[in-house]
């Protein structure tokens, strides 16, 4: 079951039994475990876990998912690198809490798991877990879309009736069909955003090599020529 849209609010504390049941529901695709005590189920507001009329089963809603962790931590997990799993922008308290809930795991340079309290001594970094991916709607494996729109590449964001925008691609398509991108402009007002995957287009072949890290010799020469042109003199639409 795909996560519902992000709720504008979240909480940080709830009864341990309730939290365990909701985390277990994340593992099960959103369905609360059948052995969840009735007292725990009755305490869950319908806004967090809706009841399916036909079966009587309880399913987590978008508000229920975001109630598990504060919004800033939810977004940090959503920004994890889907290829490597590495997560950033987490302070010590957030790292310990997310590790305790099984949403991230700390690993040392050899890949071995490390306890959150020993992360600094072991030079360990946080990585999103399968449970964490399910919580934020991140696919567990690369979808077919990534074969032609890989991470850390550039793409064209094309919208009807609006000018095309050159963007960096920073993630895979999430379960809601959006992709994290960063517009390639000099304006400080253009920040990271989530755009529909079907609005992204690969760069034309003749332009694609221009942004490659190891382009052919003719492309390297063209890039050098472009660097000698002042930004004001560049043709419209050039990065």
C-alpha atoms as a PDB file:
ATOM      1  CA  UNK A   1       0.000   0.000   0.000  1.00  0.00           C
ATOM      2  CA  UNK A   2       1.609   3.322  -1.041  1.00  0.00           C
ATOM      3  CA  UNK A   3       2.086   6.063   1.552  1.00  0.00           C
ATOM      4  CA  UNK A   4      -0.436   8.864   1.452  1.00  0.00           C
ATOM      5  CA  UNK A   5       0.640  12.510   1.070  1.00  0.00           C
ATOM      6  CA  UNK A   6       2.818  13.941   3.807  1.00  0.00           C
ATOM      7  CA  UNK A   7       0.886  15.314   6.755  1.00  0.00           C
ATOM      8  CA  UNK A   8       1.638  18.898   7.833  1.00  0.00           C
ATOM      9  CA  UNK A   9       2.035  17.842  11.455  1.00  0.00           C
ATOM     10  CA  UNK A  10       3.766  15.144  13.474  1.00  0.00           C
ATOM     11  CA  UNK A  11       4.464  14.213  17.087  1.00  0.00           C
ATOM     12  CA  UNK A  12       7.511  12.867  18.878  1.00  0.00           C
ATOM     13  CA  UNK A  13       6.079  10.839  21.759  1.00  0.00           C
ATOM     14  CA  UNK A  14       3.466   8.102  21.994  1.00  0.00           C
ATOM     15  CA  UNK A  15       2.947   4.938  24.084  1.00  0.00           C
ATOM     16  CA  UNK A  16       5.607   2.291  23.387  1.00  0.00           C
ATOM     17  CA  UNK A  17       3.038  -0.363  22.494  1.00  0.00           C
ATOM     18  CA  UNK A  18       1.373   1.949  20.022  1.00  0.00           C
ATOM     19  CA  UNK A  19       4.729   2.873  18.479  1.00  0.00           C
ATOM     20  CA  UNK A  20       5.757  -0.788  18.136  1.00  0.00           C
ATOM     21  CA  UNK A  21       2.484  -1.621  16.394  1.00  0.00           C
ATOM     22  CA  UNK A  22       2.811   1.282  13.967  1.00  0.00           C
ATOM     23  CA  UNK A  23       6.429   0.436  13.128  1.00  0.00           C
ATOM     24  CA  UNK A  24       5.420  -3.189  12.552  1.00  0.00           C
ATOM     25  CA  UNK A  25       2.709  -1.920  10.202  1.00  0.00           C
ATOM     26  CA  UNK A  26       5.408  -0.170   8.146  1.00  0.00           C
ATOM     27  CA  UNK A  27       7.116  -3.558   7.667  1.00  0.00           C
ATOM     28  CA  UNK A  28       3.798  -5.103   6.610  1.00  0.00           C
ATOM     29  CA  UNK A  29       2.989  -2.530   3.950  1.00  0.00           C
ATOM     30  CA  UNK A  30       0.792  -0.389   6.189  1.00  0.00           C
ATOM     31  CA  UNK A  31      -1.430  -3.013   7.837  1.00  0.00           C
ATOM     32  CA  UNK A  32      -1.368  -3.150  11.622  1.00  0.00           C
ATOM     33  CA  UNK A  33      -0.475  -6.629  12.959  1.00  0.00           C
ATOM     34  CA  UNK A  34      -3.395  -8.918  13.698  1.00  0.00           C
ATOM     35  CA  UNK A  35      -2.041  -9.621  17.211  1.00  0.00           C
ATOM     36  CA  UNK A  36      -2.054  -5.940  18.194  1.00  0.00           C
ATOM     37  CA  UNK A  37      -3.882  -5.607  21.548  1.00  0.00           C
ATOM     38  CA  UNK A  38      -7.389  -4.211  21.215  1.00  0.00           C
ATOM     39  CA  UNK A  39      -6.556  -1.496  23.733  1.00  0.00           C
ATOM     40  CA  UNK A  40      -3.744  -0.259  21.491  1.00  0.00           C
ATOM     41  CA  UNK A  41      -5.947  -0.349  18.390  1.00  0.00           C
ATOM     42  CA  UNK A  42      -8.771   1.517  20.108  1.00  0.00           C
ATOM     43  CA  UNK A  43      -6.332   4.241  21.216  1.00  0.00           C
ATOM     44  CA  UNK A  44      -5.214   4.916  17.657  1.00  0.00           C
ATOM     45  CA  UNK A  45      -7.121   7.823  16.126  1.00  0.00           C
ATOM     46  CA  UNK A  46      -8.817   7.111  12.818  1.00  0.00           C
ATOM     47  CA  UNK A  47      -6.696   9.882  11.288  1.00  0.00           C
ATOM     48  CA  UNK A  48      -3.628   7.678  11.861  1.00  0.00           C
ATOM     49  CA  UNK A  49      -5.070   4.244  11.175  1.00  0.00           C
ATOM     50  CA  UNK A  50      -8.241   3.983   9.125  1.00  0.00           C
ATOM     51  CA  UNK A  51     -10.522   0.977   9.452  1.00  0.00           C
ATOM     52  CA  UNK A  52     -11.368  -1.031   6.352  1.00  0.00           C
ATOM     53  CA  UNK A  53     -15.153  -1.541   6.585  1.00  0.00           C
ATOM     54  CA  UNK A  54     -15.255  -4.886   4.755  1.00  0.00           C
ATOM     55  CA  UNK A  55     -12.558  -6.661   6.800  1.00  0.00           C
ATOM     56  CA  UNK A  56     -12.260  -4.515   9.912  1.00  0.00           C
ATOM     57  CA  UNK A  57      -8.466  -4.335   9.429  1.00  0.00           C
ATOM     58  CA  UNK A  58      -6.564  -1.167  10.364  1.00  0.00           C
ATOM     59  CA  UNK A  59      -4.222   0.537   7.888  1.00  0.00           C
ATOM     60  CA  UNK A  60      -1.802   3.383   8.548  1.00  0.00           C
ATOM     61  CA  UNK A  61      -2.593   6.678   6.867  1.00  0.00           C
ATOM     62  CA  UNK A  62      -0.149   9.348   5.731  1.00  0.00           C
ATOM     63  CA  UNK A  63      -0.748  11.186   9.012  1.00  0.00           C
ATOM     64  CA  UNK A  64      -0.004   7.993  10.943  1.00  0.00           C
ATOM     65  CA  UNK A  65       3.319   7.505   9.151  1.00  0.00           C
ATOM     66  CA  UNK A  66       4.474  11.049   9.769  1.00  0.00           C
ATOM     67  CA  UNK A  67       3.309  10.899  13.391  1.00  0.00           C
ATOM     68  CA  UNK A  68       6.056   8.346  14.018  1.00  0.00           C
ATOM     69  CA  UNK A  69       8.867  10.864  13.556  1.00  0.00           C
ATOM     70  CA  UNK A  70       9.159  14.669  13.381  1.00  0.00           C
ATOM     71  CA  UNK A  71       8.810  16.212   9.955  1.00  0.00           C
ATOM     72  CA  UNK A  72      12.490  17.201   9.662  1.00  0.00           C
ATOM     73  CA  UNK A  73      13.599  13.602  10.285  1.00  0.00           C
ATOM     74  CA  UNK A  74      11.005  12.299   7.835  1.00  0.00           C
ATOM     75  CA  UNK A  75      12.440  14.605   5.174  1.00  0.00           C
ATOM     76  CA  UNK A  76      16.028  13.598   6.054  1.00  0.00           C
ATOM     77  CA  UNK A  77      15.115   9.957   5.423  1.00  0.00           C
ATOM     78  CA  UNK A  78      13.380  10.936   2.190  1.00  0.00           C
ATOM     79  CA  UNK A  79      16.601  12.647   1.050  1.00  0.00           C
ATOM     80  CA  UNK A  80      18.732   9.532   1.653  1.00  0.00           C
ATOM     81  CA  UNK A  81      20.755   8.390  -1.335  1.00  0.00           C
ATOM     82  CA  UNK A  82      18.579   5.548  -2.709  1.00  0.00           C
ATOM     83  CA  UNK A  83      21.564   3.844  -4.385  1.00  0.00           C
ATOM     84  CA  UNK A  84      23.952   3.752  -1.406  1.00  0.00           C
ATOM     85  CA  UNK A  85      21.419   4.265   1.379  1.00  0.00           C
ATOM     86  CA  UNK A  86      23.595   6.923   3.044  1.00  0.00           C
ATOM     87  CA  UNK A  87      21.675   9.509   5.043  1.00  0.00           C
ATOM     88  CA  UNK A  88      22.826  12.965   6.121  1.00  0.00           C
ATOM     89  CA  UNK A  89      21.678  15.999   8.122  1.00  0.00           C
ATOM     90  CA  UNK A  90      21.036  13.998  11.298  1.00  0.00           C
ATOM     91  CA  UNK A  91      22.227  15.204  14.696  1.00  0.00           C
ATOM     92  CA  UNK A  92      23.149  12.791  17.490  1.00  0.00           C
ATOM     93  CA  UNK A  93      19.702  12.703  19.091  1.00  0.00           C
ATOM     94  CA  UNK A  94      17.931  12.143  15.773  1.00  0.00           C
ATOM     95  CA  UNK A  95      20.415   9.430  14.794  1.00  0.00           C
ATOM     96  CA  UNK A  96      19.926   7.553  18.063  1.00  0.00           C
ATOM     97  CA  UNK A  97      16.126   7.724  17.823  1.00  0.00           C
ATOM     98  CA  UNK A  98      15.952   6.617  14.191  1.00  0.00           C
ATOM     99  CA  UNK A  99      18.432   3.810  14.891  1.00  0.00           C
ATOM    100  CA  UNK A 100      16.367   2.626  17.874  1.00  0.00           C
ATOM    101  CA  UNK A 101      13.252   2.492  15.678  1.00  0.00           C
ATOM    102  CA  UNK A 102      15.058   0.508  12.988  1.00  0.00           C
ATOM    103  CA  UNK A 103      14.768   3.275  10.394  1.00  0.00           C
ATOM    104  CA  UNK A 104      18.535   3.705   9.960  1.00  0.00           C
ATOM    105  CA  UNK A 105      21.618   1.663  10.808  1.00  0.00           C
ATOM    106  CA  UNK A 106      25.118   2.948  11.503  1.00  0.00           C
ATOM    107  CA  UNK A 107      27.915   1.181   9.601  1.00  0.00           C
ATOM    108  CA  UNK A 108      31.674   1.561   9.902  1.00  0.00           C
ATOM    109  CA  UNK A 109      33.997   1.816   6.846  1.00  0.00           C
ATOM    110  CA  UNK A 110      34.041  -1.996   6.554  1.00  0.00           C
ATOM    111  CA  UNK A 111      30.244  -2.156   6.405  1.00  0.00           C
ATOM    112  CA  UNK A 112      29.760  -3.616   9.882  1.00  0.00           C
ATOM    113  CA  UNK A 113      26.809  -2.358  11.970  1.00  0.00           C
ATOM    114  CA  UNK A 114      27.772  -0.111  14.887  1.00  0.00           C
ATOM    115  CA  UNK A 115      25.736   0.947  17.907  1.00  0.00           C
ATOM    116  CA  UNK A 116      24.540   4.536  17.686  1.00  0.00           C
ATOM    117  CA  UNK A 117      26.441   5.598  20.818  1.00  0.00           C
ATOM    118  CA  UNK A 118      29.726   4.340  19.311  1.00  0.00           C
ATOM    119  CA  UNK A 119      29.255   5.962  15.901  1.00  0.00           C
ATOM    120  CA  UNK A 120      31.893   8.673  16.390  1.00  0.00           C
ATOM    121  CA  UNK A 121      34.610   6.372  17.684  1.00  0.00           C
ATOM    122  CA  UNK A 122      33.993   3.905  14.861  1.00  0.00           C
ATOM    123  CA  UNK A 123      33.722   6.613  12.186  1.00  0.00           C
ATOM    124  CA  UNK A 124      30.324   5.149  11.266  1.00  0.00           C
ATOM    125  CA  UNK A 125      27.728   6.720   8.985  1.00  0.00           C
ATOM    126  CA  UNK A 126      23.928   6.338   8.976  1.00  0.00           C
ATOM    127  CA  UNK A 127      22.225   4.311   6.234  1.00  0.00           C
ATOM    128  CA  UNK A 128      18.502   4.043   5.641  1.00  0.00           C
ATOM    129  CA  UNK A 129      17.028   0.581   6.287  1.00  0.00           C
ATOM    130  CA  UNK A 130      14.308  -1.297   4.436  1.00  0.00           C
ATOM    131  CA  UNK A 131      11.863  -0.122   7.097  1.00  0.00           C
ATOM    132  CA  UNK A 132      13.009   3.463   6.586  1.00  0.00           C
ATOM    133  CA  UNK A 133      12.557   3.181   2.822  1.00  0.00           C
ATOM    134  CA  UNK A 134       9.040   1.840   3.274  1.00  0.00           C
ATOM    135  CA  UNK A 135       8.176   4.620   5.705  1.00  0.00           C
ATOM    136  CA  UNK A 136       9.021   7.427   3.258  1.00  0.00           C
ATOM    137  CA  UNK A 137       7.894   5.621   0.098  1.00  0.00           C
ATOM    138  CA  UNK A 138      11.352   5.008  -1.385  1.00  0.00           C
ATOM    139  CA  UNK A 139      11.532   2.004  -3.755  1.00  0.00           C
ATOM    140  CA  UNK A 140      13.678  -0.843  -2.441  1.00  0.00           C
ATOM    141  CA  UNK A 141      15.322  -1.358  -5.836  1.00  0.00           C
ATOM    142  CA  UNK A 142      15.980   0.921  -8.778  1.00  0.00           C
ATOM    143  CA  UNK A 143      12.868   1.354 -10.920  1.00  0.00           C
ATOM    144  CA  UNK A 144      13.092   1.091 -14.706  1.00  0.00           C
ATOM    145  CA  UNK A 145      12.941   4.886 -14.936  1.00  0.00           C
ATOM    146  CA  UNK A 146      16.429   5.180 -13.429  1.00  0.00           C
ATOM    147  CA  UNK A 147      17.956   3.372 -16.406  1.00  0.00           C
ATOM    148  CA  UNK A 148      17.506   6.484 -18.571  1.00  0.00           C
ATOM    149  CA  UNK A 149      17.386   9.123 -15.812  1.00  0.00           C
ATOM    150  CA  UNK A 150      20.120   8.065 -13.363  1.00  0.00           C
ATOM    151  CA  UNK A 151      20.882   9.826 -10.115  1.00  0.00           C
ATOM    152  CA  UNK A 152      23.353  12.725 -10.203  1.00  0.00           C
ATOM    153  CA  UNK A 153      22.659  13.305 -13.889  1.00  0.00           C
ATOM    154  CA  UNK A 154      21.102  16.342 -15.534  1.00  0.00           C
ATOM    155  CA  UNK A 155      17.682  16.394 -17.105  1.00  0.00           C
ATOM    156  CA  UNK A 156      15.161  18.773 -18.632  1.00  0.00           C
ATOM    157  CA  UNK A 157      12.121  19.650 -16.516  1.00  0.00           C
ATOM    158  CA  UNK A 158       9.414  20.208 -19.116  1.00  0.00           C
ATOM    159  CA  UNK A 159       5.992  21.638 -18.239  1.00  0.00           C
ATOM    160  CA  UNK A 160       3.213  22.675 -20.571  1.00  0.00           C
ATOM    161  CA  UNK A 161       3.102  26.420 -21.119  1.00  0.00           C
ATOM    162  CA  UNK A 162       6.297  27.071 -19.121  1.00  0.00           C
ATOM    163  CA  UNK A 163       9.956  27.315 -20.139  1.00  0.00           C
ATOM    164  CA  UNK A 164      12.148  24.217 -19.839  1.00  0.00           C
ATOM    165  CA  UNK A 165      14.477  24.123 -16.824  1.00  0.00           C
ATOM    166  CA  UNK A 166      17.782  22.281 -16.590  1.00  0.00           C
ATOM    167  CA  UNK A 167      17.890  20.293 -13.319  1.00  0.00           C
ATOM    168  CA  UNK A 168      20.111  17.909 -11.379  1.00  0.00           C
ATOM    169  CA  UNK A 169      18.433  14.585 -10.574  1.00  0.00           C
ATOM    170  CA  UNK A 170      19.020  13.685  -6.919  1.00  0.00           C
ATOM    171  CA  UNK A 171      16.846  10.620  -6.431  1.00  0.00           C
ATOM    172  CA  UNK A 172      14.714   7.819  -7.780  1.00  0.00           C
ATOM    173  CA  UNK A 173      10.991   8.246  -8.383  1.00  0.00           C
ATOM    174  CA  UNK A 174       9.240   7.794  -5.035  1.00  0.00           C
ATOM    175  CA  UNK A 175       6.041   5.807  -4.618  1.00  0.00           C
ATOM    176  CA  UNK A 176       4.022   8.967  -5.242  1.00  0.00           C
ATOM    177  CA  UNK A 177       5.692   9.432  -8.655  1.00  0.00           C
ATOM    178  CA  UNK A 178       7.871  12.407  -7.718  1.00  0.00           C
ATOM    179  CA  UNK A 179      11.640  12.846  -8.099  1.00  0.00           C
ATOM    180  CA  UNK A 180      13.919  15.153  -6.102  1.00  0.00           C
ATOM    181  CA  UNK A 181      15.716  17.649  -8.341  1.00  0.00           C
ATOM    182  CA  UNK A 182      17.676  20.880  -8.014  1.00  0.00           C
ATOM    183  CA  UNK A 183      17.298  23.543 -10.730  1.00  0.00           C
ATOM    184  CA  UNK A 184      20.660  24.386 -12.360  1.00  0.00           C
ATOM    185  CA  UNK A 185      20.343  28.160 -12.064  1.00  0.00           C
ATOM    186  CA  UNK A 186      22.342  30.866 -10.380  1.00  0.00           C
ATOM    187  CA  UNK A 187      19.303  32.081  -8.484  1.00  0.00           C
ATOM    188  CA  UNK A 188      19.431  31.385  -4.746  1.00  0.00           C
ATOM    189  CA  UNK A 189      15.603  31.275  -4.778  1.00  0.00           C
ATOM    190  CA  UNK A 190      15.588  28.027  -6.773  1.00  0.00           C
ATOM    191  CA  UNK A 191      15.916  25.326  -4.114  1.00  0.00           C
ATOM    192  CA  UNK A 192      15.465  21.550  -4.070  1.00  0.00           C
ATOM    193  CA  UNK A 193      11.990  20.412  -5.027  1.00  0.00           C
ATOM    194  CA  UNK A 194      10.011  17.287  -5.862  1.00  0.00           C
ATOM    195  CA  UNK A 195       8.654  17.155  -9.408  1.00  0.00           C
ATOM    196  CA  UNK A 196       6.561  14.548 -11.258  1.00  0.00           C
ATOM    197  CA  UNK A 197       8.789  11.952 -12.920  1.00  0.00           C
ATOM    198  CA  UNK A 198       6.766  12.165 -16.135  1.00  0.00           C
ATOM    199  CA  UNK A 199       7.789  15.826 -16.515  1.00  0.00           C
ATOM    200  CA  UNK A 200      11.525  15.004 -16.722  1.00  0.00           C
ATOM    201  CA  UNK A 201      13.244  14.401 -20.055  1.00  0.00           C
ATOM    202  CA  UNK A 202      16.797  13.186 -20.756  1.00  0.00           C
ATOM    203  CA  UNK A 203      19.210  15.747 -22.164  1.00  0.00           C
ATOM    204  CA  UNK A 204      19.575  15.607 -25.972  1.00  0.00           C
ATOM    205  CA  UNK A 205      22.527  13.398 -26.948  1.00  0.00           C
ATOM    206  CA  UNK A 206      24.478  16.327 -28.366  1.00  0.00           C
ATOM    207  CA  UNK A 207      24.203  18.136 -25.011  1.00  0.00           C
ATOM    208  CA  UNK A 208      24.501  15.158 -22.687  1.00  0.00           C
ATOM    209  CA  UNK A 209      28.243  14.646 -23.156  1.00  0.00           C
ATOM    210  CA  UNK A 210      28.857  18.301 -22.388  1.00  0.00           C
ATOM    211  CA  UNK A 211      28.114  17.563 -18.711  1.00  0.00           C
ATOM    212  CA  UNK A 212      29.880  14.190 -18.544  1.00  0.00           C
ATOM    213  CA  UNK A 213      32.767  13.769 -16.088  1.00  0.00           C
ATOM    214  CA  UNK A 214      34.891  12.102 -18.781  1.00  0.00           C
ATOM    215  CA  UNK A 215      33.726  13.412 -22.186  1.00  0.00           C
ATOM    216  CA  UNK A 216      35.384  12.784 -25.557  1.00  0.00           C
ATOM    217  CA  UNK A 217      38.140  15.210 -26.673  1.00  0.00           C
ATOM    218  CA  UNK A 218      35.833  17.328 -28.907  1.00  0.00           C
ATOM    219  CA  UNK A 219      33.439  17.788 -26.013  1.00  0.00           C
ATOM    220  CA  UNK A 220      36.278  18.784 -23.678  1.00  0.00           C
ATOM    221  CA  UNK A 221      37.301  21.435 -26.208  1.00  0.00           C
ATOM    222  CA  UNK A 222      33.699  22.684 -26.456  1.00  0.00           C
ATOM    223  CA  UNK A 223      33.463  22.841 -22.685  1.00  0.00           C
ATOM    224  CA  UNK A 224      36.675  24.862 -22.512  1.00  0.00           C
ATOM    225  CA  UNK A 225      35.300  27.302 -25.075  1.00  0.00           C
ATOM    226  CA  UNK A 226      32.109  27.707 -23.067  1.00  0.00           C
ATOM    227  CA  UNK A 227      34.079  28.454 -19.883  1.00  0.00           C
ATOM    228  CA  UNK A 228      35.784  31.345 -21.679  1.00  0.00           C
ATOM    229  CA  UNK A 229      32.410  32.899 -22.494  1.00  0.00           C
ATOM    230  CA  UNK A 230      31.041  35.220 -19.815  1.00  0.00           C
ATOM    231  CA  UNK A 231      27.624  34.164 -18.402  1.00  0.00           C
ATOM    232  CA  UNK A 232      26.002  37.294 -19.831  1.00  0.00           C
ATOM    233  CA  UNK A 233      27.182  36.411 -23.341  1.00  0.00           C
ATOM    234  CA  UNK A 234      26.004  32.791 -23.267  1.00  0.00           C
ATOM    235  CA  UNK A 235      23.065  31.860 -25.477  1.00  0.00           C
ATOM    236  CA  UNK A 236      19.710  31.671 -23.763  1.00  0.00           C
ATOM    237  CA  UNK A 237      19.107  28.265 -22.185  1.00  0.00           C
ATOM    238  CA  UNK A 238      22.790  27.344 -21.792  1.00  0.00           C
ATOM    239  CA  UNK A 239      23.812  26.165 -18.279  1.00  0.00           C
END
